[in-house]
């Protein structure tokens, strides 16, 4: 297993079950992953060689309206974020993630809770930061209950080389 310092690691869950302007869900994740990596490198003052991304996992929706299509999920892991964890920095990153979601057609004002979406980016954890804010809770409060997060997270943690987009 690859070794990296958890105290400076940051993980983002990626998911989609609707097509976006970039194509079906898997194509959307393939399009967004390198852009998300670039964002994290710049925002976190990190090295691109410290980015790991799981393969894509097809999963059934958890909660939400019945009849949804399966999700395509992955986890992107940045192992050495130089920027110190803080509430302000985490909320800044959340804003950047939500802008990427909007770019792929997500409209949080109109969507149904746990309903279908063209892109969902969840900040799962950032080192040992504990945060309870109205917009963000870290670590993600349901992460440990979700196969669609845990399987790709464990896979990303075991990667020994950066992804080839």
N, C-alpha and C. Protein backbone atom coordinates (compact mmCIF):
# COMPACT_ATOMS: atom_id res chain seq x y z
N UNK A 1 0.84 -1.18 0.00
CA UNK A 1 0.00 0.00 0.00
C UNK A 1 0.89 1.24 0.00
N UNK A 2 0.47 2.26 -0.75
CA UNK A 2 1.21 3.51 -0.78
C UNK A 2 1.11 4.19 0.58
N UNK A 3 2.17 4.90 0.94
CA UNK A 3 2.19 5.58 2.22
C UNK A 3 2.06 7.07 1.99
N UNK A 4 1.19 7.70 2.73
CA UNK A 4 1.07 9.15 2.66
C UNK A 4 0.56 9.65 4.00
N UNK A 5 0.89 10.89 4.30
CA UNK A 5 0.51 11.46 5.60
C UNK A 5 -0.97 11.85 5.63
N UNK A 6 -1.75 11.17 6.44
CA UNK A 6 -3.17 11.47 6.53
C UNK A 6 -3.43 12.87 7.07
N UNK A 7 -2.53 13.38 7.90
CA UNK A 7 -2.76 14.71 8.47
C UNK A 7 -2.78 15.82 7.42
N UNK A 8 -2.24 15.56 6.23
CA UNK A 8 -2.26 16.57 5.17
C UNK A 8 -3.01 16.07 3.93
N UNK A 9 -3.74 14.97 4.05
CA UNK A 9 -4.48 14.42 2.90
C UNK A 9 -5.87 15.04 2.81
N UNK A 10 -6.36 15.11 1.58
CA UNK A 10 -7.68 15.65 1.30
C UNK A 10 -8.34 14.73 0.30
N UNK A 11 -9.62 14.41 0.51
CA UNK A 11 -10.34 13.52 -0.40
C UNK A 11 -11.63 14.16 -0.86
N UNK A 12 -11.92 13.95 -2.15
CA UNK A 12 -13.16 14.45 -2.75
C UNK A 12 -13.86 13.29 -3.44
N UNK A 13 -15.13 13.12 -3.12
CA UNK A 13 -15.96 12.12 -3.79
C UNK A 13 -16.57 12.73 -5.04
N UNK A 14 -16.55 11.96 -6.12
CA UNK A 14 -17.13 12.37 -7.40
C UNK A 14 -18.27 11.43 -7.72
N UNK A 15 -19.38 11.97 -8.19
CA UNK A 15 -20.50 11.12 -8.58
C UNK A 15 -21.36 11.80 -9.62
N UNK A 16 -22.01 11.00 -10.44
CA UNK A 16 -22.94 11.52 -11.46
C UNK A 16 -23.85 10.38 -11.90
N UNK A 17 -25.12 10.73 -12.17
CA UNK A 17 -26.01 9.75 -12.78
C UNK A 17 -26.91 10.36 -13.85
N UNK A 18 -26.62 11.59 -14.24
CA UNK A 18 -27.27 12.23 -15.38
C UNK A 18 -26.20 12.67 -16.36
N UNK A 19 -26.55 12.72 -17.63
CA UNK A 19 -25.62 13.25 -18.62
C UNK A 19 -25.44 14.75 -18.40
N UNK A 20 -24.28 15.23 -18.79
CA UNK A 20 -23.98 16.66 -18.75
C UNK A 20 -23.62 17.08 -20.17
N UNK A 21 -23.22 18.32 -20.34
CA UNK A 21 -22.78 18.77 -21.66
C UNK A 21 -21.48 18.08 -22.08
N UNK A 22 -20.86 17.34 -21.15
CA UNK A 22 -19.62 16.61 -21.45
C UNK A 22 -19.89 15.14 -21.74
N UNK A 23 -21.17 14.76 -21.75
CA UNK A 23 -21.53 13.39 -22.09
C UNK A 23 -22.19 12.65 -20.94
N UNK A 24 -22.26 11.32 -21.06
CA UNK A 24 -22.86 10.52 -19.99
C UNK A 24 -22.02 10.61 -18.71
N UNK A 25 -22.54 10.11 -17.59
CA UNK A 25 -21.84 10.27 -16.31
C UNK A 25 -20.36 9.90 -16.32
N UNK A 26 -19.98 8.78 -16.89
CA UNK A 26 -18.56 8.41 -16.88
C UNK A 26 -17.72 9.41 -17.66
N UNK A 27 -18.25 9.91 -18.77
CA UNK A 27 -17.53 10.93 -19.55
C UNK A 27 -17.38 12.22 -18.75
N UNK A 28 -18.43 12.57 -18.01
CA UNK A 28 -18.36 13.77 -17.17
C UNK A 28 -17.25 13.62 -16.13
N UNK A 29 -17.18 12.45 -15.48
CA UNK A 29 -16.13 12.25 -14.47
C UNK A 29 -14.74 12.25 -15.12
N UNK A 30 -14.64 11.67 -16.31
CA UNK A 30 -13.34 11.68 -17.01
C UNK A 30 -12.93 13.12 -17.37
N UNK A 31 -13.91 13.95 -17.69
CA UNK A 31 -13.63 15.34 -18.04
C UNK A 31 -13.25 16.14 -16.79
N UNK A 32 -13.98 15.92 -15.70
CA UNK A 32 -13.79 16.76 -14.51
C UNK A 32 -12.55 16.38 -13.71
N UNK A 33 -12.17 15.11 -13.69
CA UNK A 33 -11.07 14.66 -12.81
C UNK A 33 -9.78 15.44 -13.01
N UNK A 34 -9.27 15.63 -14.24
CA UNK A 34 -8.02 16.39 -14.36
C UNK A 34 -8.19 17.87 -14.00
N UNK A 35 -9.37 18.42 -14.23
CA UNK A 35 -9.61 19.82 -13.87
C UNK A 35 -9.66 19.96 -12.35
N UNK A 36 -10.26 18.99 -11.70
CA UNK A 36 -10.30 18.99 -10.25
C UNK A 36 -8.89 18.83 -9.68
N UNK A 37 -8.10 17.97 -10.29
CA UNK A 37 -6.71 17.80 -9.87
C UNK A 37 -5.95 19.11 -9.99
N UNK A 38 -6.10 19.79 -11.13
CA UNK A 38 -5.42 21.08 -11.33
C UNK A 38 -5.86 22.10 -10.28
N UNK A 39 -7.16 22.13 -9.99
CA UNK A 39 -7.68 23.04 -8.97
C UNK A 39 -7.04 22.76 -7.62
N UNK A 40 -6.97 21.49 -7.24
CA UNK A 40 -6.39 21.15 -5.93
C UNK A 40 -4.91 21.47 -5.86
N UNK A 41 -4.19 21.25 -6.94
CA UNK A 41 -2.76 21.56 -6.96
C UNK A 41 -2.55 23.05 -6.74
N UNK A 42 -3.33 23.88 -7.44
CA UNK A 42 -3.18 25.33 -7.30
C UNK A 42 -3.70 25.81 -5.95
N UNK A 43 -4.90 25.39 -5.59
CA UNK A 43 -5.54 25.84 -4.35
C UNK A 43 -4.76 25.36 -3.12
N UNK A 44 -4.31 24.11 -3.13
CA UNK A 44 -3.67 23.52 -1.97
C UNK A 44 -2.17 23.64 -1.94
N UNK A 45 -1.60 24.37 -2.94
CA UNK A 45 -0.15 24.49 -3.02
C UNK A 45 0.49 23.10 -2.94
N UNK A 46 0.01 22.22 -3.80
CA UNK A 46 0.43 20.82 -3.75
C UNK A 46 1.12 20.41 -5.06
N UNK A 47 1.61 19.21 -5.08
CA UNK A 47 2.31 18.65 -6.22
C UNK A 47 1.38 17.70 -6.96
N UNK A 48 1.28 17.84 -8.27
CA UNK A 48 0.40 16.98 -9.06
C UNK A 48 0.76 15.50 -8.91
N UNK A 49 1.99 15.21 -8.57
CA UNK A 49 2.40 13.81 -8.38
C UNK A 49 1.78 13.19 -7.13
N UNK A 50 1.18 14.03 -6.28
CA UNK A 50 0.54 13.53 -5.06
C UNK A 50 -0.96 13.31 -5.22
N UNK A 51 -1.46 13.42 -6.45
CA UNK A 51 -2.88 13.18 -6.72
C UNK A 51 -3.07 11.70 -7.07
N UNK A 52 -4.10 11.12 -6.50
CA UNK A 52 -4.49 9.75 -6.82
C UNK A 52 -5.98 9.75 -7.11
N UNK A 53 -6.39 8.95 -8.08
CA UNK A 53 -7.81 8.85 -8.39
C UNK A 53 -8.17 7.38 -8.55
N UNK A 54 -9.27 7.00 -7.96
CA UNK A 54 -9.74 5.62 -8.08
C UNK A 54 -10.26 5.39 -9.50
N UNK A 55 -10.53 4.15 -9.80
CA UNK A 55 -11.27 3.85 -11.02
C UNK A 55 -12.74 4.21 -10.76
N UNK A 56 -13.54 4.11 -11.79
CA UNK A 56 -14.96 4.45 -11.65
C UNK A 56 -15.74 3.22 -11.18
N UNK A 57 -16.67 3.47 -10.28
CA UNK A 57 -17.47 2.42 -9.69
C UNK A 57 -18.94 2.72 -9.99
N UNK A 58 -19.64 1.76 -10.55
CA UNK A 58 -21.07 1.93 -10.82
C UNK A 58 -21.84 1.43 -9.60
N UNK A 59 -22.71 2.29 -9.05
CA UNK A 59 -23.46 1.94 -7.84
C UNK A 59 -24.92 2.36 -7.97
N UNK A 60 -25.76 1.71 -7.21
CA UNK A 60 -27.17 2.07 -7.17
C UNK A 60 -27.35 3.28 -6.24
N UNK A 61 -28.31 4.15 -6.55
CA UNK A 61 -28.55 5.32 -5.71
C UNK A 61 -28.91 4.93 -4.27
N UNK A 62 -28.51 5.77 -3.33
CA UNK A 62 -28.86 5.59 -1.93
C UNK A 62 -29.82 6.71 -1.56
N UNK A 63 -31.04 6.36 -1.17
CA UNK A 63 -32.03 7.38 -0.85
C UNK A 63 -32.54 8.06 -2.11
N UNK A 64 -33.27 9.12 -1.93
CA UNK A 64 -33.77 9.89 -3.06
C UNK A 64 -34.95 9.22 -3.74
N UNK A 65 -35.40 9.81 -4.84
CA UNK A 65 -36.58 9.30 -5.54
C UNK A 65 -36.32 7.93 -6.18
N UNK A 66 -37.34 7.09 -6.25
CA UNK A 66 -37.17 5.78 -6.88
C UNK A 66 -36.98 5.92 -8.39
N UNK A 67 -36.37 4.89 -8.98
CA UNK A 67 -36.23 4.86 -10.43
C UNK A 67 -35.05 5.62 -11.00
N UNK A 68 -34.17 6.10 -10.14
CA UNK A 68 -32.98 6.80 -10.65
C UNK A 68 -32.04 5.82 -11.34
N UNK A 69 -31.29 6.33 -12.29
CA UNK A 69 -30.24 5.53 -12.92
C UNK A 69 -29.10 5.33 -11.93
N UNK A 70 -28.28 4.33 -12.20
CA UNK A 70 -27.09 4.06 -11.38
C UNK A 70 -26.13 5.24 -11.44
N UNK A 71 -25.34 5.38 -10.42
CA UNK A 71 -24.32 6.42 -10.36
C UNK A 71 -22.98 5.89 -10.83
N UNK A 72 -22.18 6.78 -11.34
CA UNK A 72 -20.77 6.53 -11.60
C UNK A 72 -20.03 7.31 -10.51
N UNK A 73 -19.22 6.61 -9.71
CA UNK A 73 -18.53 7.24 -8.58
C UNK A 73 -17.03 7.02 -8.65
N UNK A 74 -16.30 7.93 -8.02
CA UNK A 74 -14.85 7.82 -7.89
C UNK A 74 -14.43 8.69 -6.70
N UNK A 75 -13.19 8.56 -6.30
CA UNK A 75 -12.61 9.43 -5.27
C UNK A 75 -11.27 9.93 -5.76
N UNK A 76 -11.07 11.23 -5.61
CA UNK A 76 -9.79 11.85 -5.91
C UNK A 76 -9.14 12.18 -4.57
N UNK A 77 -7.90 11.76 -4.42
CA UNK A 77 -7.17 11.92 -3.16
C UNK A 77 -5.90 12.71 -3.40
N UNK A 78 -5.71 13.77 -2.64
CA UNK A 78 -4.49 14.57 -2.68
C UNK A 78 -3.75 14.25 -1.39
N UNK A 79 -2.57 13.66 -1.51
CA UNK A 79 -1.91 13.14 -0.31
C UNK A 79 -1.11 14.16 0.48
N UNK A 80 -0.66 15.22 -0.11
CA UNK A 80 0.16 16.19 0.63
C UNK A 80 -0.27 17.62 0.29
N UNK A 81 -1.32 18.07 0.96
CA UNK A 81 -1.79 19.45 0.77
C UNK A 81 -0.97 20.34 1.69
N UNK A 82 -0.27 21.29 1.12
CA UNK A 82 0.60 22.16 1.93
C UNK A 82 -0.20 23.25 2.64
N UNK A 83 -1.33 23.62 2.07
CA UNK A 83 -2.16 24.65 2.69
C UNK A 83 -2.70 24.11 4.02
N UNK A 84 -2.56 24.88 5.10
CA UNK A 84 -3.04 24.40 6.41
C UNK A 84 -4.56 24.29 6.44
N UNK A 85 -5.10 23.21 7.00
CA UNK A 85 -6.55 23.05 7.10
C UNK A 85 -7.16 24.15 7.97
N UNK A 86 -8.26 24.73 7.49
CA UNK A 86 -8.99 25.73 8.25
C UNK A 86 -10.42 25.81 7.73
N UNK A 87 -11.30 26.35 8.54
CA UNK A 87 -12.69 26.52 8.11
C UNK A 87 -12.77 27.39 6.88
N UNK A 88 -12.08 28.52 6.89
CA UNK A 88 -12.14 29.44 5.76
C UNK A 88 -11.65 28.79 4.46
N UNK A 89 -10.54 28.07 4.54
CA UNK A 89 -10.00 27.42 3.34
C UNK A 89 -10.94 26.31 2.85
N UNK A 90 -11.53 25.56 3.78
CA UNK A 90 -12.45 24.49 3.39
C UNK A 90 -13.69 25.06 2.69
N UNK A 91 -14.22 26.16 3.21
CA UNK A 91 -15.39 26.79 2.58
C UNK A 91 -15.02 27.38 1.22
N UNK A 92 -13.82 27.89 1.10
CA UNK A 92 -13.34 28.39 -0.20
C UNK A 92 -13.27 27.24 -1.21
N UNK A 93 -12.75 26.11 -0.79
CA UNK A 93 -12.70 24.95 -1.68
C UNK A 93 -14.10 24.48 -2.04
N UNK A 94 -15.01 24.45 -1.07
CA UNK A 94 -16.39 24.07 -1.34
C UNK A 94 -16.99 24.95 -2.44
N UNK A 95 -16.75 26.25 -2.38
CA UNK A 95 -17.25 27.16 -3.42
C UNK A 95 -16.69 26.79 -4.78
N UNK A 96 -15.41 26.46 -4.84
CA UNK A 96 -14.79 26.07 -6.11
C UNK A 96 -15.40 24.76 -6.63
N UNK A 97 -15.65 23.82 -5.74
CA UNK A 97 -16.27 22.55 -6.15
C UNK A 97 -17.68 22.79 -6.69
N UNK A 98 -18.43 23.67 -6.05
CA UNK A 98 -19.78 23.95 -6.50
C UNK A 98 -19.79 24.68 -7.84
N UNK A 99 -18.77 25.49 -8.11
CA UNK A 99 -18.65 26.12 -9.42
C UNK A 99 -18.40 25.08 -10.51
N UNK A 100 -17.58 24.08 -10.20
CA UNK A 100 -17.36 22.99 -11.16
C UNK A 100 -18.65 22.20 -11.40
N UNK A 101 -19.42 21.97 -10.34
CA UNK A 101 -20.71 21.29 -10.50
C UNK A 101 -21.63 22.09 -11.42
N UNK A 102 -21.69 23.40 -11.21
CA UNK A 102 -22.53 24.26 -12.05
C UNK A 102 -22.08 24.21 -13.50
N UNK A 103 -20.78 24.19 -13.71
CA UNK A 103 -20.24 24.13 -15.07
C UNK A 103 -20.71 22.87 -15.81
N UNK A 104 -21.00 21.83 -15.05
CA UNK A 104 -21.49 20.57 -15.62
C UNK A 104 -23.02 20.50 -15.62
N UNK A 105 -23.68 21.59 -15.24
CA UNK A 105 -25.13 21.65 -15.34
C UNK A 105 -25.90 21.41 -14.06
N UNK A 106 -25.23 21.33 -12.93
CA UNK A 106 -25.95 21.10 -11.68
C UNK A 106 -26.61 22.39 -11.22
N UNK A 107 -27.87 22.28 -10.80
CA UNK A 107 -28.63 23.41 -10.26
C UNK A 107 -29.16 23.01 -8.89
N UNK A 108 -28.42 23.36 -7.86
CA UNK A 108 -28.79 22.97 -6.49
C UNK A 108 -30.13 23.55 -6.05
N UNK A 109 -30.54 24.68 -6.63
CA UNK A 109 -31.80 25.31 -6.24
C UNK A 109 -33.01 24.50 -6.72
N UNK A 110 -32.86 23.81 -7.84
CA UNK A 110 -33.99 23.09 -8.43
C UNK A 110 -34.00 21.59 -8.18
N UNK A 111 -32.88 21.04 -7.80
CA UNK A 111 -32.82 19.58 -7.69
C UNK A 111 -33.49 19.07 -6.42
N UNK A 112 -33.88 17.81 -6.48
CA UNK A 112 -34.48 17.14 -5.33
C UNK A 112 -33.36 16.55 -4.48
N UNK A 113 -33.54 16.59 -3.16
CA UNK A 113 -32.53 16.03 -2.25
C UNK A 113 -32.26 14.58 -2.61
N UNK A 114 -30.99 14.24 -2.77
CA UNK A 114 -30.51 12.91 -3.14
C UNK A 114 -31.08 12.46 -4.48
N UNK A 115 -31.51 13.43 -5.29
CA UNK A 115 -32.03 13.11 -6.61
C UNK A 115 -30.92 13.01 -7.64
N UNK A 116 -31.29 12.72 -8.88
CA UNK A 116 -30.29 12.59 -9.94
C UNK A 116 -29.57 13.91 -10.19
N UNK A 117 -28.33 13.80 -10.66
CA UNK A 117 -27.54 15.01 -10.91
C UNK A 117 -26.44 14.72 -11.92
N UNK A 118 -26.05 15.76 -12.67
CA UNK A 118 -24.97 15.58 -13.65
C UNK A 118 -23.58 15.53 -13.01
N UNK A 119 -23.43 16.07 -11.81
CA UNK A 119 -22.15 16.00 -11.10
C UNK A 119 -22.36 16.34 -9.63
N UNK A 120 -21.74 15.55 -8.78
CA UNK A 120 -21.75 15.79 -7.34
C UNK A 120 -20.31 15.68 -6.86
N UNK A 121 -19.80 16.74 -6.26
CA UNK A 121 -18.45 16.75 -5.70
C UNK A 121 -18.56 16.99 -4.20
N UNK A 122 -18.13 16.02 -3.42
CA UNK A 122 -18.22 16.11 -1.96
C UNK A 122 -16.83 16.12 -1.35
N UNK A 123 -16.54 17.15 -0.56
CA UNK A 123 -15.32 17.16 0.23
C UNK A 123 -15.53 16.17 1.37
N UNK A 124 -14.75 15.09 1.37
CA UNK A 124 -14.94 14.00 2.32
C UNK A 124 -14.17 14.22 3.61
N UNK A 125 -12.92 14.62 3.50
CA UNK A 125 -12.12 14.95 4.68
C UNK A 125 -10.91 15.75 4.24
N UNK A 126 -10.34 16.46 5.21
CA UNK A 126 -9.11 17.19 4.98
C UNK A 126 -8.27 17.05 6.25
N UNK A 127 -7.34 16.14 6.18
CA UNK A 127 -6.49 15.89 7.34
C UNK A 127 -7.33 15.59 8.56
N UNK A 128 -6.99 16.23 9.66
CA UNK A 128 -7.70 16.02 10.91
C UNK A 128 -8.70 17.13 11.21
N UNK A 129 -9.00 17.96 10.20
CA UNK A 129 -9.93 19.07 10.39
C UNK A 129 -11.31 18.56 10.75
N UNK A 130 -11.86 19.10 11.83
CA UNK A 130 -13.23 18.83 12.26
C UNK A 130 -13.98 20.13 12.08
N UNK A 131 -15.08 20.06 11.34
CA UNK A 131 -15.82 21.28 11.01
C UNK A 131 -17.31 20.99 11.04
N UNK A 132 -18.05 21.84 11.73
CA UNK A 132 -19.51 21.77 11.71
C UNK A 132 -20.01 23.16 11.36
N UNK A 133 -20.20 23.36 10.08
CA UNK A 133 -20.67 24.63 9.53
C UNK A 133 -21.99 24.36 8.82
N UNK A 134 -22.83 25.36 8.69
CA UNK A 134 -24.13 25.15 8.04
C UNK A 134 -23.98 24.68 6.59
N UNK A 135 -22.85 24.96 5.96
CA UNK A 135 -22.63 24.58 4.56
C UNK A 135 -21.74 23.35 4.40
N UNK A 136 -21.03 22.96 5.45
CA UNK A 136 -20.06 21.88 5.30
C UNK A 136 -19.75 21.23 6.65
N UNK A 137 -19.79 19.91 6.67
CA UNK A 137 -19.39 19.15 7.86
C UNK A 137 -18.23 18.25 7.45
N UNK A 138 -17.15 18.33 8.22
CA UNK A 138 -15.97 17.49 7.96
C UNK A 138 -15.56 16.77 9.23
N UNK A 139 -15.18 15.51 9.13
CA UNK A 139 -15.27 14.69 7.92
C UNK A 139 -16.73 14.48 7.53
N UNK A 140 -16.95 14.07 6.29
CA UNK A 140 -18.31 13.86 5.79
C UNK A 140 -19.04 12.92 6.75
N UNK A 141 -20.21 13.33 7.25
CA UNK A 141 -20.87 12.58 8.32
C UNK A 141 -21.39 11.19 7.94
N UNK A 142 -21.59 10.92 6.66
CA UNK A 142 -22.10 9.61 6.25
C UNK A 142 -21.10 8.82 5.41
N UNK A 143 -19.89 9.31 5.33
CA UNK A 143 -18.87 8.67 4.51
C UNK A 143 -18.69 7.20 4.88
N UNK A 144 -18.65 6.90 6.15
CA UNK A 144 -18.39 5.53 6.61
C UNK A 144 -19.54 4.56 6.32
N UNK A 145 -20.68 5.08 5.90
CA UNK A 145 -21.86 4.24 5.62
C UNK A 145 -22.03 3.96 4.13
N UNK A 146 -21.19 4.53 3.31
CA UNK A 146 -21.43 4.50 1.87
C UNK A 146 -20.36 3.74 1.11
N UNK A 147 -20.77 2.62 0.55
CA UNK A 147 -19.87 1.80 -0.27
C UNK A 147 -19.31 2.62 -1.43
N UNK A 148 -20.16 3.49 -2.01
CA UNK A 148 -19.73 4.26 -3.17
C UNK A 148 -18.66 5.30 -2.83
N UNK A 149 -18.41 5.51 -1.55
CA UNK A 149 -17.30 6.35 -1.11
C UNK A 149 -16.13 5.49 -0.64
N UNK A 150 -16.42 4.51 0.18
CA UNK A 150 -15.35 3.72 0.81
C UNK A 150 -14.54 2.90 -0.19
N UNK A 151 -15.21 2.22 -1.12
CA UNK A 151 -14.45 1.40 -2.08
C UNK A 151 -13.49 2.24 -2.92
N UNK A 152 -13.97 3.33 -3.55
CA UNK A 152 -13.00 4.11 -4.33
C UNK A 152 -11.96 4.82 -3.46
N UNK A 153 -12.31 5.20 -2.23
CA UNK A 153 -11.34 5.83 -1.34
C UNK A 153 -10.21 4.85 -1.02
N UNK A 154 -10.55 3.64 -0.67
CA UNK A 154 -9.52 2.64 -0.38
C UNK A 154 -8.67 2.36 -1.61
N UNK A 155 -9.30 2.31 -2.76
CA UNK A 155 -8.54 2.09 -3.99
C UNK A 155 -7.57 3.23 -4.25
N UNK A 156 -8.04 4.48 -4.09
CA UNK A 156 -7.16 5.63 -4.31
C UNK A 156 -6.01 5.64 -3.31
N UNK A 157 -6.27 5.22 -2.09
CA UNK A 157 -5.22 5.18 -1.07
C UNK A 157 -4.14 4.15 -1.41
N UNK A 158 -4.50 3.14 -2.16
CA UNK A 158 -3.55 2.08 -2.51
C UNK A 158 -2.79 2.35 -3.81
N UNK A 159 -3.19 3.38 -4.54
CA UNK A 159 -2.51 3.70 -5.80
C UNK A 159 -1.07 4.11 -5.51
N UNK A 160 -0.18 3.72 -6.39
CA UNK A 160 1.24 4.06 -6.21
C UNK A 160 1.73 5.03 -7.27
N UNK A 161 0.84 5.48 -8.15
CA UNK A 161 1.25 6.39 -9.21
C UNK A 161 0.11 7.35 -9.52
N UNK A 162 0.43 8.54 -10.03
CA UNK A 162 -0.61 9.50 -10.41
C UNK A 162 -1.47 8.93 -11.54
N UNK A 163 -2.70 9.41 -11.65
CA UNK A 163 -3.58 8.91 -12.71
C UNK A 163 -3.15 9.38 -14.08
N UNK A 164 -3.52 8.62 -15.08
CA UNK A 164 -3.33 9.02 -16.48
C UNK A 164 -4.70 9.43 -16.99
N UNK A 165 -4.90 10.69 -17.14
CA UNK A 165 -6.22 11.16 -17.57
C UNK A 165 -6.40 10.79 -19.02
